[in-house]
PDB file of N, CA and C in Angstrom:
ATOM      1  N   UNK A   1      12.090  -4.230   3.349  1.00  0.00           N
ATOM      2  CA  UNK A   1      11.170  -3.818   2.299  1.00  0.00           C
ATOM      3  C   UNK A   1       9.955  -4.750   2.338  1.00  0.00           C
ATOM      4  N   UNK A   2       8.803  -4.156   2.391  1.00  0.00           N
ATOM      5  CA  UNK A   2       7.548  -4.914   2.363  1.00  0.00           C
ATOM      6  C   UNK A   2       6.953  -4.821   0.966  1.00  0.00           C
ATOM      7  N   UNK A   3       6.317  -5.887   0.513  1.00  0.00           N
ATOM      8  CA  UNK A   3       5.648  -5.891  -0.780  1.00  0.00           C
ATOM      9  C   UNK A   3       4.223  -6.383  -0.587  1.00  0.00           C
ATOM     10  N   UNK A   4       3.284  -5.642  -1.166  1.00  0.00           N
ATOM     11  CA  UNK A   4       1.874  -5.993  -1.063  1.00  0.00           C
ATOM     12  C   UNK A   4       1.289  -6.174  -2.453  1.00  0.00           C
ATOM     13  N   UNK A   5       0.414  -7.157  -2.600  1.00  0.00           N
ATOM     14  CA  UNK A   5      -0.328  -7.388  -3.832  1.00  0.00           C
ATOM     15  C   UNK A   5      -1.733  -6.826  -3.603  1.00  0.00           C
ATOM     16  N   UNK A   6      -2.093  -5.799  -4.361  1.00  0.00           N
ATOM     17  CA  UNK A   6      -3.374  -5.113  -4.193  1.00  0.00           C
ATOM     18  C   UNK A   6      -4.206  -5.313  -5.471  1.00  0.00           C
ATOM     19  N   UNK A   7      -5.020  -6.374  -5.534  1.00  0.00           N
ATOM     20  CA  UNK A   7      -5.734  -6.712  -6.765  1.00  0.00           C
ATOM     21  C   UNK A   7      -6.619  -5.608  -7.331  1.00  0.00           C
ATOM     22  N   UNK A   8      -7.211  -4.771  -6.469  1.00  0.00           N
ATOM     23  CA  UNK A   8      -8.117  -3.756  -7.000  1.00  0.00           C
ATOM     24  C   UNK A   8      -7.455  -2.386  -7.161  1.00  0.00           C
ATOM     25  N   UNK A   9      -6.123  -2.316  -7.158  1.00  0.00           N
ATOM     26  CA  UNK A   9      -5.393  -1.092  -7.478  1.00  0.00           C
ATOM     27  C   UNK A   9      -5.120  -1.114  -8.979  1.00  0.00           C
ATOM     28  N   UNK A  10      -6.016  -0.518  -9.733  1.00  0.00           N
ATOM     29  CA  UNK A  10      -5.968  -0.665 -11.188  1.00  0.00           C
ATOM     30  C   UNK A  10      -5.581   0.600 -11.946  1.00  0.00           C
ATOM     31  N   UNK A  11      -5.431   1.730 -11.223  1.00  0.00           N
ATOM     32  CA  UNK A  11      -5.138   2.973 -11.932  1.00  0.00           C
ATOM     33  C   UNK A  11      -4.321   3.905 -11.043  1.00  0.00           C
ATOM     34  N   UNK A  12      -3.929   5.024 -11.604  1.00  0.00           N
ATOM     35  CA  UNK A  12      -3.162   6.003 -10.856  1.00  0.00           C
ATOM     36  C   UNK A  12      -3.921   6.566  -9.666  1.00  0.00           C
ATOM     37  N   UNK A  13      -5.216   6.738  -9.808  1.00  0.00           N
ATOM     38  CA  UNK A  13      -6.032   7.232  -8.696  1.00  0.00           C
ATOM     39  C   UNK A  13      -6.039   6.251  -7.539  1.00  0.00           C
ATOM     40  N   UNK A  14      -6.147   4.982  -7.864  1.00  0.00           N
ATOM     41  CA  UNK A  14      -6.088   3.931  -6.832  1.00  0.00           C
ATOM     42  C   UNK A  14      -4.721   3.951  -6.158  1.00  0.00           C
ATOM     43  N   UNK A  15      -3.671   4.083  -6.954  1.00  0.00           N
ATOM     44  CA  UNK A  15      -2.309   4.101  -6.411  1.00  0.00           C
ATOM     45  C   UNK A  15      -2.139   5.279  -5.454  1.00  0.00           C
ATOM     46  N   UNK A  16      -2.719   6.419  -5.789  1.00  0.00           N
ATOM     47  CA  UNK A  16      -2.639   7.590  -4.908  1.00  0.00           C
ATOM     48  C   UNK A  16      -3.377   7.322  -3.601  1.00  0.00           C
ATOM     49  N   UNK A  17      -4.534   6.685  -3.671  1.00  0.00           N
ATOM     50  CA  UNK A  17      -5.292   6.350  -2.462  1.00  0.00           C
ATOM     51  C   UNK A  17      -4.523   5.376  -1.582  1.00  0.00           C
ATOM     52  N   UNK A  18      -3.899   4.389  -2.199  1.00  0.00           N
ATOM     53  CA  UNK A  18      -3.092   3.413  -1.466  1.00  0.00           C
ATOM     54  C   UNK A  18      -1.912   4.118  -0.800  1.00  0.00           C
ATOM     55  N   UNK A  19      -1.232   4.971  -1.546  1.00  0.00           N
ATOM     56  CA  UNK A  19      -0.097   5.711  -1.000  1.00  0.00           C
ATOM     57  C   UNK A  19      -0.519   6.567   0.186  1.00  0.00           C
ATOM     58  N   UNK A  20      -1.631   7.285   0.049  1.00  0.00           N
ATOM     59  CA  UNK A  20      -2.113   8.130   1.145  1.00  0.00           C
ATOM     60  C   UNK A  20      -2.440   7.297   2.381  1.00  0.00           C
ATOM     61  N   UNK A  21      -3.048   6.142   2.181  1.00  0.00           N
ATOM     62  CA  UNK A  21      -3.380   5.262   3.304  1.00  0.00           C
ATOM     63  C   UNK A  21      -2.108   4.797   4.004  1.00  0.00           C
ATOM     64  N   UNK A  22      -1.124   4.377   3.235  1.00  0.00           N
ATOM     65  CA  UNK A  22       0.126   3.889   3.815  1.00  0.00           C
ATOM     66  C   UNK A  22       0.875   5.007   4.535  1.00  0.00           C
ATOM     67  N   UNK A  23       0.848   6.206   3.964  1.00  0.00           N
ATOM     68  CA  UNK A  23       1.520   7.352   4.597  1.00  0.00           C
ATOM     69  C   UNK A  23       0.844   7.757   5.907  1.00  0.00           C
ATOM     70  N   UNK A  24      -0.417   7.408   6.081  1.00  0.00           N
ATOM     71  CA  UNK A  24      -1.087   7.727   7.345  1.00  0.00           C
ATOM     72  C   UNK A  24      -0.491   6.911   8.497  1.00  0.00           C
ATOM     73  N   UNK A  25       0.132   5.784   8.164  1.00  0.00           N
ATOM     74  CA  UNK A  25       0.792   4.941   9.157  1.00  0.00           C
ATOM     75  C   UNK A  25       2.236   5.408   9.377  1.00  0.00           C
ATOM     76  N   UNK A  26       2.929   5.689   8.282  1.00  0.00           N
ATOM     77  CA  UNK A  26       4.324   6.145   8.357  1.00  0.00           C
ATOM     78  C   UNK A  26       4.559   7.213   7.295  1.00  0.00           C
ATOM     79  N   UNK A  27       4.496   8.489   7.690  1.00  0.00           N
ATOM     80  CA  UNK A  27       4.670   9.585   6.729  1.00  0.00           C
ATOM     81  C   UNK A  27       6.037   9.590   6.049  1.00  0.00           C
ATOM     82  N   UNK A  28       7.031   8.942   6.650  1.00  0.00           N
ATOM     83  CA  UNK A  28       8.377   8.938   6.089  1.00  0.00           C
ATOM     84  C   UNK A  28       8.694   7.698   5.255  1.00  0.00           C
ATOM     85  N   UNK A  29       7.738   6.810   5.099  1.00  0.00           N
ATOM     86  CA  UNK A  29       7.972   5.577   4.336  1.00  0.00           C
ATOM     87  C   UNK A  29       8.253   5.899   2.875  1.00  0.00           C
ATOM     88  N   UNK A  30       9.133   5.110   2.270  1.00  0.00           N
ATOM     89  CA  UNK A  30       9.343   5.180   0.825  1.00  0.00           C
ATOM     90  C   UNK A  30       8.387   4.184   0.195  1.00  0.00           C
ATOM     91  N   UNK A  31       7.514   4.686  -0.664  1.00  0.00           N
ATOM     92  CA  UNK A  31       6.450   3.860  -1.239  1.00  0.00           C
ATOM     93  C   UNK A  31       6.535   3.916  -2.757  1.00  0.00           C
ATOM     94  N   UNK A  32       6.504   2.746  -3.375  1.00  0.00           N
ATOM     95  CA  UNK A  32       6.472   2.637  -4.831  1.00  0.00           C
ATOM     96  C   UNK A  32       5.247   1.824  -5.217  1.00  0.00           C
ATOM     97  N   UNK A  33       4.418   2.383  -6.094  1.00  0.00           N
ATOM     98  CA  UNK A  33       3.229   1.670  -6.552  1.00  0.00           C
ATOM     99  C   UNK A  33       3.358   1.371  -8.040  1.00  0.00           C
ATOM    100  N   UNK A  34       2.807   0.243  -8.444  1.00  0.00           N
ATOM    101  CA  UNK A  34       2.781  -0.141  -9.853  1.00  0.00           C
ATOM    102  C   UNK A  34       1.401  -0.711 -10.171  1.00  0.00           C
ATOM    103  N   UNK A  35       0.474   0.151 -10.623  1.00  0.00           N
ATOM    104  CA  UNK A  35      -0.877  -0.331 -10.919  1.00  0.00           C
ATOM    105  C   UNK A  35      -0.908  -1.438 -11.982  1.00  0.00           C
ATOM    106  N   UNK A  36       0.032  -1.440 -12.907  1.00  0.00           N
ATOM    107  CA  UNK A  36       0.042  -2.458 -13.960  1.00  0.00           C
ATOM    108  C   UNK A  36       0.217  -3.861 -13.381  1.00  0.00           C
ATOM    109  N   UNK A  37       1.067  -3.988 -12.374  1.00  0.00           N
ATOM    110  CA  UNK A  37       1.292  -5.293 -11.753  1.00  0.00           C
ATOM    111  C   UNK A  37       0.530  -5.438 -10.440  1.00  0.00           C
ATOM    112  N   UNK A  38      -0.078  -4.320  -9.999  1.00  0.00           N
ATOM    113  CA  UNK A  38      -0.851  -4.269  -8.752  1.00  0.00           C
ATOM    114  C   UNK A  38       0.004  -4.577  -7.527  1.00  0.00           C
ATOM    115  N   UNK A  39       1.250  -4.119  -7.582  1.00  0.00           N
ATOM    116  CA  UNK A  39       2.199  -4.324  -6.486  1.00  0.00           C
ATOM    117  C   UNK A  39       2.545  -2.987  -5.841  1.00  0.00           C
ATOM    118  N   UNK A  40       2.761  -3.043  -4.538  1.00  0.00           N
ATOM    119  CA  UNK A  40       3.194  -1.883  -3.767  1.00  0.00           C
ATOM    120  C   UNK A  40       4.390  -2.309  -2.930  1.00  0.00           C
ATOM    121  N   UNK A  41       5.456  -1.530  -2.990  1.00  0.00           N
ATOM    122  CA  UNK A  41       6.631  -1.767  -2.158  1.00  0.00           C
ATOM    123  C   UNK A  41       6.731  -0.641  -1.146  1.00  0.00           C
ATOM    124  N   UNK A  42       7.008  -1.008   0.091  1.00  0.00           N
ATOM    125  CA  UNK A  42       7.099  -0.032   1.173  1.00  0.00           C
ATOM    126  C   UNK A  42       8.398  -0.266   1.934  1.00  0.00           C
ATOM    127  N   UNK A  43       9.193   0.780   2.036  1.00  0.00           N
ATOM    128  CA  UNK A  43      10.418   0.715   2.823  1.00  0.00           C
ATOM    129  C   UNK A  43      10.164   1.499   4.099  1.00  0.00           C
ATOM    130  N   UNK A  44      10.010   0.774   5.205  1.00  0.00           N
ATOM    131  CA  UNK A  44       9.644   1.377   6.477  1.00  0.00           C
ATOM    132  C   UNK A  44      10.029   0.430   7.610  1.00  0.00           C
ATOM    133  N   UNK A  45      10.188   0.988   8.790  1.00  0.00           N
ATOM    134  CA  UNK A  45      10.444   0.167   9.969  1.00  0.00           C
ATOM    135  C   UNK A  45       9.150  -0.131  10.733  1.00  0.00           C
ATOM    136  N   UNK A  46       8.033   0.380  10.248  1.00  0.00           N
ATOM    137  CA  UNK A  46       6.730   0.145  10.874  1.00  0.00           C
ATOM    138  C   UNK A  46       6.310  -1.305  10.648  1.00  0.00           C
ATOM    139  N   UNK A  47       5.608  -1.864  11.606  1.00  0.00           N
ATOM    140  CA  UNK A  47       5.154  -3.247  11.533  1.00  0.00           C
ATOM    141  C   UNK A  47       4.204  -3.465  10.353  1.00  0.00           C
ATOM    142  N   UNK A  48       4.409  -4.561   9.657  1.00  0.00           N
ATOM    143  CA  UNK A  48       3.595  -4.898   8.484  1.00  0.00           C
ATOM    144  C   UNK A  48       2.104  -4.939   8.821  1.00  0.00           C
ATOM    145  N   UNK A  49       1.756  -5.406  10.007  1.00  0.00           N
ATOM    146  CA  UNK A  49       0.336  -5.515  10.380  1.00  0.00           C
ATOM    147  C   UNK A  49      -0.360  -4.158  10.373  1.00  0.00           C
ATOM    148  N   UNK A  50       0.378  -3.103  10.718  1.00  0.00           N
ATOM    149  CA  UNK A  50      -0.203  -1.757  10.695  1.00  0.00           C
ATOM    150  C   UNK A  50      -0.565  -1.358   9.270  1.00  0.00           C
ATOM    151  N   UNK A  51       0.316  -1.674   8.332  1.00  0.00           N
ATOM    152  CA  UNK A  51       0.033  -1.365   6.927  1.00  0.00           C
ATOM    153  C   UNK A  51      -1.124  -2.212   6.403  1.00  0.00           C
ATOM    154  N   UNK A  52      -1.146  -3.490   6.755  1.00  0.00           N
ATOM    155  CA  UNK A  52      -2.230  -4.367   6.304  1.00  0.00           C
ATOM    156  C   UNK A  52      -3.580  -3.865   6.798  1.00  0.00           C
ATOM    157  N   UNK A  53      -3.630  -3.410   8.038  1.00  0.00           N
ATOM    158  CA  UNK A  53      -4.882  -2.915   8.608  1.00  0.00           C
ATOM    159  C   UNK A  53      -5.371  -1.667   7.881  1.00  0.00           C
ATOM    160  N   UNK A  54      -4.466  -0.737   7.614  1.00  0.00           N
ATOM    161  CA  UNK A  54      -4.883   0.505   6.958  1.00  0.00           C
ATOM    162  C   UNK A  54      -5.275   0.261   5.492  1.00  0.00           C
ATOM    163  N   UNK A  55      -4.630  -0.680   4.840  1.00  0.00           N
ATOM    164  CA  UNK A  55      -5.021  -1.025   3.464  1.00  0.00           C
ATOM    165  C   UNK A  55      -6.431  -1.613   3.449  1.00  0.00           C
ATOM    166  N   UNK A  56      -6.716  -2.467   4.402  1.00  0.00           N
ATOM    167  CA  UNK A  56      -8.058  -3.068   4.523  1.00  0.00           C
ATOM    168  C   UNK A  56      -9.102  -1.976   4.747  1.00  0.00           C
ATOM    169  N   UNK A  57      -8.810  -1.061   5.674  1.00  0.00           N
ATOM    170  CA  UNK A  57      -9.748   0.025   5.971  1.00  0.00           C
ATOM    171  C   UNK A  57      -9.982   0.919   4.760  1.00  0.00           C
ATOM    172  N   UNK A  58      -8.956   1.113   3.941  1.00  0.00           N
ATOM    173  CA  UNK A  58      -9.075   1.981   2.778  1.00  0.00           C
ATOM    174  C   UNK A  58      -9.769   1.292   1.596  1.00  0.00           C
ATOM    175  N   UNK A  59     -10.047  -0.001   1.731  1.00  0.00           N
ATOM    176  CA  UNK A  59     -10.705  -0.732   0.644  1.00  0.00           C
ATOM    177  C   UNK A  59      -9.740  -1.334  -0.362  1.00  0.00           C
ATOM    178  N   UNK A  60      -8.486  -1.427   0.014  1.00  0.00           N
ATOM    179  CA  UNK A  60      -7.457  -1.999  -0.859  1.00  0.00           C
ATOM    180  C   UNK A  60      -6.710  -3.108  -0.121  1.00  0.00           C
ATOM    181  N   UNK A  61      -7.412  -4.204   0.194  1.00  0.00           N
ATOM    182  CA  UNK A  61      -6.770  -5.263   0.962  1.00  0.00           C
ATOM    183  C   UNK A  61      -5.683  -5.992   0.177  1.00  0.00           C
ATOM    184  N   UNK A  62      -4.655  -6.390   0.917  1.00  0.00           N
ATOM    185  CA  UNK A  62      -3.566  -7.195   0.365  1.00  0.00           C
ATOM    186  C   UNK A  62      -4.071  -8.611   0.134  1.00  0.00           C
ATOM    187  N   UNK A  63      -3.663  -9.196  -0.962  1.00  0.00           N
ATOM    188  CA  UNK A  63      -4.029 -10.588  -1.240  1.00  0.00           C
ATOM    189  C   UNK A  63      -2.754 -11.365  -1.523  1.00  0.00           C
ATOM    190  N   UNK A  64      -2.615 -12.504  -0.854  1.00  0.00           N
ATOM    191  CA  UNK A  64      -1.412 -13.335  -1.043  1.00  0.00           C
ATOM    192  C   UNK A  64      -1.436 -14.048  -2.356  1.00  0.00           C
TER     193      UNK A  64
END
């Protein structure tokens, strides 16, 4: 399970955009978003770097 902190995911629309971006990497991933805490959990066998790259491209970079 991967967890990402997305500081600018502040609403349901943002969460949908993040989900769509992540699904472009792995359409079968289980994705849970929580805009209130700005956390995204992804259950996938795809490499984390692929998800980080697509989040950056979508304008929702992960922040440690």
